[in-house]
PDB file of all heavy atoms in Angstrom:
ATOM      1  N   PRO A   1      -5.645  31.325  38.006  1.00  0.00           N
ATOM      2  CA  PRO A   1      -4.252  31.153  38.425  1.00  0.00           C
ATOM      3  C   PRO A   1      -4.295  30.645  39.873  1.00  0.00           C
ATOM      4  O   PRO A   1      -5.203  31.031  40.737  1.00  0.00           O
ATOM      5  CB  PRO A   1      -3.632  32.523  38.249  1.00  0.00           C
ATOM      6  CG  PRO A   1      -4.442  33.135  37.253  1.00  0.00           C
ATOM      7  CD  PRO A   1      -5.852  32.663  37.310  1.00  0.00           C
ATOM      8  N   PRO A   2      -3.304  30.011  40.436  1.00  0.00           N
ATOM      9  CA  PRO A   2      -3.268  29.501  41.792  1.00  0.00           C
ATOM     10  C   PRO A   2      -3.321  30.613  42.872  1.00  0.00           C
ATOM     11  O   PRO A   2      -4.059  30.486  43.960  1.00  0.00           O
ATOM     12  CB  PRO A   2      -1.974  28.750  41.981  1.00  0.00           C
ATOM     13  CG  PRO A   2      -1.585  28.410  40.487  1.00  0.00           C
ATOM     14  CD  PRO A   2      -2.143  29.487  39.654  1.00  0.00           C
ATOM     15  N   ASP A   3      -2.744  31.770  42.542  1.00  0.00           N
ATOM     16  CA  ASP A   3      -2.764  32.812  43.549  1.00  0.00           C
ATOM     17  C   ASP A   3      -3.845  33.918  43.281  1.00  0.00           C
ATOM     18  O   ASP A   3      -3.900  35.015  43.834  1.00  0.00           O
ATOM     19  CB  ASP A   3      -1.316  33.566  43.523  1.00  0.00           C
ATOM     20  CG  ASP A   3      -1.066  34.247  42.231  1.00  0.00           C
ATOM     21  OD1 ASP A   3      -1.769  33.838  41.146  1.00  0.00           O
ATOM     22  OD2 ASP A   3      -0.142  35.002  42.153  1.00  0.00           O
ATOM     23  N   PHE A   4      -4.882  33.418  42.464  1.00  0.00           N
ATOM     24  CA  PHE A   4      -5.944  34.446  42.124  1.00  0.00           C
ATOM     25  C   PHE A   4      -6.644  34.970  43.405  1.00  0.00           C
ATOM     26  O   PHE A   4      -6.794  36.203  43.465  1.00  0.00           O
ATOM     27  CB  PHE A   4      -6.862  33.691  41.163  1.00  0.00           C
ATOM     28  CG  PHE A   4      -8.081  34.651  40.711  1.00  0.00           C
ATOM     29  CD1 PHE A   4      -7.833  35.487  39.575  1.00  0.00           C
ATOM     30  CD2 PHE A   4      -9.277  34.642  41.348  1.00  0.00           C
ATOM     31  CE1 PHE A   4      -8.788  36.331  39.113  1.00  0.00           C
ATOM     32  CE2 PHE A   4     -10.267  35.512  40.845  1.00  0.00           C
ATOM     33  CZ  PHE A   4     -10.083  36.339  39.766  1.00  0.00           C
ATOM     34  N   THR A   5      -7.042  34.152  44.249  1.00  0.00           N
ATOM     35  CA  THR A   5      -7.715  34.607  45.371  1.00  0.00           C
ATOM     36  C   THR A   5      -6.889  35.494  46.285  1.00  0.00           C
ATOM     37  O   THR A   5      -7.419  36.445  46.812  1.00  0.00           O
ATOM     38  CB  THR A   5      -8.252  33.412  46.224  1.00  0.00           C
ATOM     39  OG1 THR A   5      -9.217  32.613  45.375  1.00  0.00           O
ATOM     40  CG2 THR A   5      -9.059  33.919  47.528  1.00  0.00           C
ATOM     41  N   GLN A   6      -5.618  35.064  46.468  1.00  0.00           N
ATOM     42  CA  GLN A   6      -4.692  35.912  47.256  1.00  0.00           C
ATOM     43  C   GLN A   6      -4.589  37.296  46.663  1.00  0.00           C
ATOM     44  O   GLN A   6      -4.530  38.298  47.387  1.00  0.00           O
ATOM     45  CB  GLN A   6      -3.294  35.253  47.341  1.00  0.00           C
ATOM     46  CG  GLN A   6      -3.391  34.025  48.227  1.00  0.00           C
ATOM     47  CD  GLN A   6      -3.864  32.857  47.581  1.00  0.00           C
ATOM     48  OE1 GLN A   6      -4.279  32.872  46.404  1.00  0.00           O
ATOM     49  NE2 GLN A   6      -3.998  31.696  48.283  1.00  0.00           N
ATOM     50  N   GLN A   7      -4.488  37.394  45.241  1.00  0.00           N
ATOM     51  CA  GLN A   7      -4.391  38.740  44.644  1.00  0.00           C
ATOM     52  C   GLN A   7      -5.624  39.582  44.879  1.00  0.00           C
ATOM     53  O   GLN A   7      -5.525  40.828  45.283  1.00  0.00           O
ATOM     54  CB  GLN A   7      -4.207  38.558  43.228  1.00  0.00           C
ATOM     55  CG  GLN A   7      -2.927  37.901  42.742  1.00  0.00           C
ATOM     56  CD  GLN A   7      -2.765  37.850  41.217  1.00  0.00           C
ATOM     57  OE1 GLN A   7      -3.583  38.328  40.421  1.00  0.00           O
ATOM     58  NE2 GLN A   7      -1.728  37.006  40.791  1.00  0.00           N
ATOM     59  N   LEU A   8      -6.788  39.065  44.935  1.00  0.00           N
ATOM     60  CA  LEU A   8      -8.052  39.813  45.171  1.00  0.00           C
ATOM     61  C   LEU A   8      -7.998  40.229  46.686  1.00  0.00           C
ATOM     62  O   LEU A   8      -8.458  41.301  46.948  1.00  0.00           O
ATOM     63  CB  LEU A   8      -9.345  38.894  44.830  1.00  0.00           C
ATOM     64  CG  LEU A   8      -9.578  38.670  43.432  1.00  0.00           C
ATOM     65  CD1 LEU A   8     -10.917  37.994  43.261  1.00  0.00           C
ATOM     66  CD2 LEU A   8      -9.711  40.025  42.645  1.00  0.00           C
ATOM     67  N   ALA A   9      -7.647  39.249  47.485  1.00  0.00           N
ATOM     68  CA  ALA A   9      -7.631  39.537  48.966  1.00  0.00           C
ATOM     69  C   ALA A   9      -6.708  40.742  49.259  1.00  0.00           C
ATOM     70  O   ALA A   9      -6.946  41.608  50.061  1.00  0.00           O
ATOM     71  CB  ALA A   9      -7.344  38.356  49.770  1.00  0.00           C
ATOM     72  N   GLY A  10      -5.514  40.696  48.472  1.00  0.00           N
ATOM     73  CA  GLY A  10      -4.548  41.761  48.785  1.00  0.00           C
ATOM     74  C   GLY A  10      -5.095  43.105  48.251  1.00  0.00           C
ATOM     75  O   GLY A  10      -4.898  44.163  48.927  1.00  0.00           O
ATOM     76  N   LEU A  11      -5.795  43.092  47.088  1.00  0.00           N
ATOM     77  CA  LEU A  11      -6.419  44.284  46.634  1.00  0.00           C
ATOM     78  C   LEU A  11      -7.515  44.790  47.591  1.00  0.00           C
ATOM     79  O   LEU A  11      -7.547  46.045  47.837  1.00  0.00           O
ATOM     80  CB  LEU A  11      -7.002  43.979  45.233  1.00  0.00           C
ATOM     81  CG  LEU A  11      -7.707  45.172  44.505  1.00  0.00           C
ATOM     82  CD1 LEU A  11      -6.709  46.316  44.319  1.00  0.00           C
ATOM     83  CD2 LEU A  11      -8.222  44.742  43.171  1.00  0.00           C
ATOM     84  N   SER A  12      -8.207  43.885  48.129  1.00  0.00           N
ATOM     85  CA  SER A  12      -9.303  44.302  49.172  1.00  0.00           C
ATOM     86  C   SER A  12      -8.656  44.939  50.305  1.00  0.00           C
ATOM     87  O   SER A  12      -9.135  45.937  50.844  1.00  0.00           O
ATOM     88  CB  SER A  12     -10.062  43.066  49.485  1.00  0.00           C
ATOM     89  OG  SER A  12     -11.058  43.421  50.493  1.00  0.00           O
ATOM     90  N   ARG A  13      -7.511  44.377  50.757  1.00  0.00           N
ATOM     91  CA  ARG A  13      -6.896  44.973  52.014  1.00  0.00           C
ATOM     92  C   ARG A  13      -6.308  46.350  51.586  1.00  0.00           C
ATOM     93  O   ARG A  13      -6.392  47.289  52.580  1.00  0.00           O
ATOM     94  CB  ARG A  13      -5.690  44.024  52.381  1.00  0.00           C
ATOM     95  CG  ARG A  13      -6.113  42.832  53.120  1.00  0.00           C
ATOM     96  CD  ARG A  13      -5.012  42.034  53.798  1.00  0.00           C
ATOM     97  NE  ARG A  13      -4.007  41.640  52.909  1.00  0.00           N
ATOM     98  CZ  ARG A  13      -3.981  40.479  52.170  1.00  0.00           C
ATOM     99  NH1 ARG A  13      -5.008  39.589  52.419  1.00  0.00           N
ATOM    100  NH2 ARG A  13      -2.990  40.116  51.341  1.00  0.00           N
ATOM    101  N   GLU A  14      -5.790  46.510  50.513  1.00  0.00           N
ATOM    102  CA  GLU A  14      -5.244  47.896  50.136  1.00  0.00           C
ATOM    103  C   GLU A  14      -6.300  48.968  50.239  1.00  0.00           C
ATOM    104  O   GLU A  14      -6.285  50.107  50.749  1.00  0.00           O
ATOM    105  CB  GLU A  14      -4.718  47.879  48.677  1.00  0.00           C
ATOM    106  CG  GLU A  14      -3.280  47.174  48.618  1.00  0.00           C
ATOM    107  CD  GLU A  14      -2.782  47.196  47.288  1.00  0.00           C
ATOM    108  OE1 GLU A  14      -3.079  48.241  46.549  1.00  0.00           O
ATOM    109  OE2 GLU A  14      -2.104  46.175  46.838  1.00  0.00           O
ATOM    110  N   ILE A  15      -7.542  48.571  49.616  1.00  0.00           N
ATOM    111  CA  ILE A  15      -8.614  49.504  49.659  1.00  0.00           C
ATOM    112  C   ILE A  15      -9.184  49.760  51.096  1.00  0.00           C
ATOM    113  O   ILE A  15      -9.412  50.888  51.494  1.00  0.00           O
ATOM    114  CB  ILE A  15      -9.799  48.956  48.856  1.00  0.00           C
ATOM    115  CG1 ILE A  15      -9.331  48.932  47.353  1.00  0.00           C
ATOM    116  CG2 ILE A  15     -11.071  49.867  48.878  1.00  0.00           C
ATOM    117  CD1 ILE A  15     -10.299  48.271  46.426  1.00  0.00           C
ATOM    118  N   ALA A  16      -9.158  48.657  51.949  1.00  0.00           N
ATOM    119  CA  ALA A  16      -9.565  48.774  53.348  1.00  0.00           C
ATOM    120  C   ALA A  16      -8.618  49.701  54.080  1.00  0.00           C
ATOM    121  O   ALA A  16      -9.027  50.465  54.950  1.00  0.00           O
ATOM    122  CB  ALA A  16      -9.634  47.483  54.008  1.00  0.00           C
ATOM    123  N   GLY A  17      -7.289  49.823  53.647  1.00  0.00           N
ATOM    124  CA  GLY A  17      -6.440  50.641  54.301  1.00  0.00           C
ATOM    125  C   GLY A  17      -6.791  52.094  54.004  1.00  0.00           C
ATOM    126  O   GLY A  17      -6.624  52.997  54.922  1.00  0.00           O
ATOM    127  N   TRP A  18      -7.170  52.384  52.905  1.00  0.00           N
ATOM    128  CA  TRP A  18      -7.566  53.697  52.433  1.00  0.00           C
ATOM    129  C   TRP A  18      -8.813  54.101  53.124  1.00  0.00           C
ATOM    130  O   TRP A  18      -8.977  55.271  53.599  1.00  0.00           O
ATOM    131  CB  TRP A  18      -7.729  53.828  50.955  1.00  0.00           C
ATOM    132  CG  TRP A  18      -6.553  54.171  50.185  1.00  0.00           C
ATOM    133  CD1 TRP A  18      -5.471  53.340  49.902  1.00  0.00           C
ATOM    134  CD2 TRP A  18      -6.166  55.410  49.451  1.00  0.00           C
ATOM    135  NE1 TRP A  18      -4.435  54.060  49.278  1.00  0.00           N
ATOM    136  CE2 TRP A  18      -4.877  55.369  48.979  1.00  0.00           C
ATOM    137  CE3 TRP A  18      -6.851  56.669  49.503  1.00  0.00           C
ATOM    138  CZ2 TRP A  18      -4.264  56.335  48.283  1.00  0.00           C
ATOM    139  CZ3 TRP A  18      -6.243  57.700  48.761  1.00  0.00           C
ATOM    140  CH2 TRP A  18      -4.997  57.596  48.216  1.00  0.00           C
ATOM    141  N   LEU A  19      -9.710  53.178  53.427  1.00  0.00           N
ATOM    142  CA  LEU A  19     -11.012  53.414  54.023  1.00  0.00           C
ATOM    143  C   LEU A  19     -10.804  53.762  55.467  1.00  0.00           C
ATOM    144  O   LEU A  19     -11.546  54.457  56.120  1.00  0.00           O
ATOM    145  CB  LEU A  19     -12.035  52.381  53.860  1.00  0.00           C
ATOM    146  CG  LEU A  19     -12.472  52.064  52.430  1.00  0.00           C
ATOM    147  CD1 LEU A  19     -13.262  50.671  52.411  1.00  0.00           C
ATOM    148  CD2 LEU A  19     -13.393  53.168  52.012  1.00  0.00           C
ATOM    149  N   ALA A  20      -9.729  53.186  56.001  1.00  0.00           N
ATOM    150  CA  ALA A  20      -9.342  53.451  57.505  1.00  0.00           C
ATOM    151  C   ALA A  20      -8.773  54.726  57.772  1.00  0.00           C
ATOM    152  O   ALA A  20      -8.532  55.121  58.901  1.00  0.00           O
ATOM    153  CB  ALA A  20      -8.510  52.222  58.013  1.00  0.00           C
ATOM    154  N   ARG A  21      -8.306  55.432  56.708  1.00  0.00           N
ATOM    155  CA  ARG A  21      -7.622  56.770  56.862  1.00  0.00           C
ATOM    156  C   ARG A  21      -8.670  57.768  57.434  1.00  0.00           C
ATOM    157  O   ARG A  21      -9.891  57.754  57.190  1.00  0.00           O
ATOM    158  CB  ARG A  21      -7.113  57.247  55.567  1.00  0.00           C
ATOM    159  CG  ARG A  21      -5.974  56.558  55.055  1.00  0.00           C
ATOM    160  CD  ARG A  21      -5.502  57.243  53.662  1.00  0.00           C
ATOM    161  NE  ARG A  21      -4.329  56.585  53.100  1.00  0.00           N
ATOM    162  CZ  ARG A  21      -3.569  57.037  52.042  1.00  0.00           C
ATOM    163  NH1 ARG A  21      -4.089  58.152  51.520  1.00  0.00           N
ATOM    164  NH2 ARG A  21      -2.582  56.470  51.705  1.00  0.00           N
ATOM    165  N   PRO A  22      -8.106  58.762  58.127  1.00  0.00           N
ATOM    166  CA  PRO A  22      -8.969  59.942  58.552  1.00  0.00           C
ATOM    167  C   PRO A  22      -9.632  60.513  57.306  1.00  0.00           C
ATOM    168  O   PRO A  22      -9.003  60.650  56.209  1.00  0.00           O
ATOM    169  CB  PRO A  22      -7.964  60.830  59.169  1.00  0.00           C
ATOM    170  CG  PRO A  22      -6.823  60.069  59.598  1.00  0.00           C
ATOM    171  CD  PRO A  22      -6.724  58.991  58.590  1.00  0.00           C
ATOM    172  N   ARG A  23     -10.900  60.867  57.503  1.00  0.00           N
ATOM    173  CA  ARG A  23     -11.753  61.464  56.487  1.00  0.00           C
ATOM    174  C   ARG A  23     -11.487  62.876  56.111  1.00  0.00           C
ATOM    175  O   ARG A  23     -11.014  63.643  56.917  1.00  0.00           O
ATOM    176  CB  ARG A  23     -13.216  61.221  56.804  1.00  0.00           C
ATOM    177  CG  ARG A  23     -13.565  59.778  56.901  1.00  0.00           C
ATOM    178  CD  ARG A  23     -13.856  59.106  55.619  1.00  0.00           C
ATOM    179  NE  ARG A  23     -14.998  59.727  55.035  1.00  0.00           N
ATOM    180  CZ  ARG A  23     -16.252  59.420  55.343  1.00  0.00           C
ATOM    181  NH1 ARG A  23     -16.539  58.476  56.311  1.00  0.00           N
ATOM    182  NH2 ARG A  23     -17.344  60.033  54.802  1.00  0.00           N
ATOM    183  N   ALA A  24     -11.887  63.278  54.863  1.00  0.00           N
ATOM    184  CA  ALA A  24     -11.768  64.753  54.484  1.00  0.00           C
ATOM    185  C   ALA A  24     -12.674  65.712  55.176  1.00  0.00           C
ATOM    186  O   ALA A  24     -12.262  66.842  55.401  1.00  0.00           O
ATOM    187  CB  ALA A  24     -12.045  64.757  52.970  1.00  0.00           C
ATOM    188  N   GLU A  25     -13.810  65.045  55.675  1.00  0.00           N
ATOM    189  CA  GLU A  25     -14.746  66.036  56.451  1.00  0.00           C
ATOM    190  C   GLU A  25     -14.127  66.677  57.607  1.00  0.00           C
ATOM    191  O   GLU A  25     -14.460  67.894  57.850  1.00  0.00           O
ATOM    192  CB  GLU A  25     -15.957  65.295  56.804  1.00  0.00           C
ATOM    193  CG  GLU A  25     -16.938  65.029  55.658  1.00  0.00           C
ATOM    194  CD  GLU A  25     -16.458  63.919  54.724  1.00  0.00           C
ATOM    195  OE1 GLU A  25     -15.635  63.052  55.031  1.00  0.00           O
ATOM    196  OE2 GLU A  25     -16.814  64.024  53.427  1.00  0.00           O
ATOM    197  N   VAL A  26     -13.411  65.857  58.381  1.00  0.00           N
ATOM    198  CA  VAL A  26     -12.847  66.433  59.666  1.00  0.00           C
ATOM    199  C   VAL A  26     -11.809  67.441  59.235  1.00  0.00           C
ATOM    200  O   VAL A  26     -11.552  68.510  59.986  1.00  0.00           O
ATOM    201  CB  VAL A  26     -12.232  65.344  60.551  1.00  0.00           C
ATOM    202  CG1 VAL A  26     -11.064  64.708  59.999  1.00  0.00           C
ATOM    203  CG2 VAL A  26     -11.888  65.873  61.906  1.00  0.00           C
ATOM    204  N   LEU A  27     -11.093  67.232  58.109  1.00  0.00           N
ATOM    205  CA  LEU A  27     -10.111  68.194  57.660  1.00  0.00           C
ATOM    206  C   LEU A  27     -10.834  69.530  57.200  1.00  0.00           C
ATOM    207  O   LEU A  27     -10.299  70.583  57.392  1.00  0.00           O
ATOM    208  CB  LEU A  27      -9.273  67.608  56.553  1.00  0.00           C
ATOM    209  CG  LEU A  27      -8.101  68.337  56.047  1.00  0.00           C
ATOM    210  CD1 LEU A  27      -7.044  68.616  57.084  1.00  0.00           C
ATOM    211  CD2 LEU A  27      -7.421  67.677  54.831  1.00  0.00           C
TER     212      LEU A  27
END
């Protein structure tokens, strides 16, 4: 599909957002 790469890039950004959150260890 034409937007296939954009969909994967969006999914990657969502995961990166979770990775940037404060970690459970400090909690």
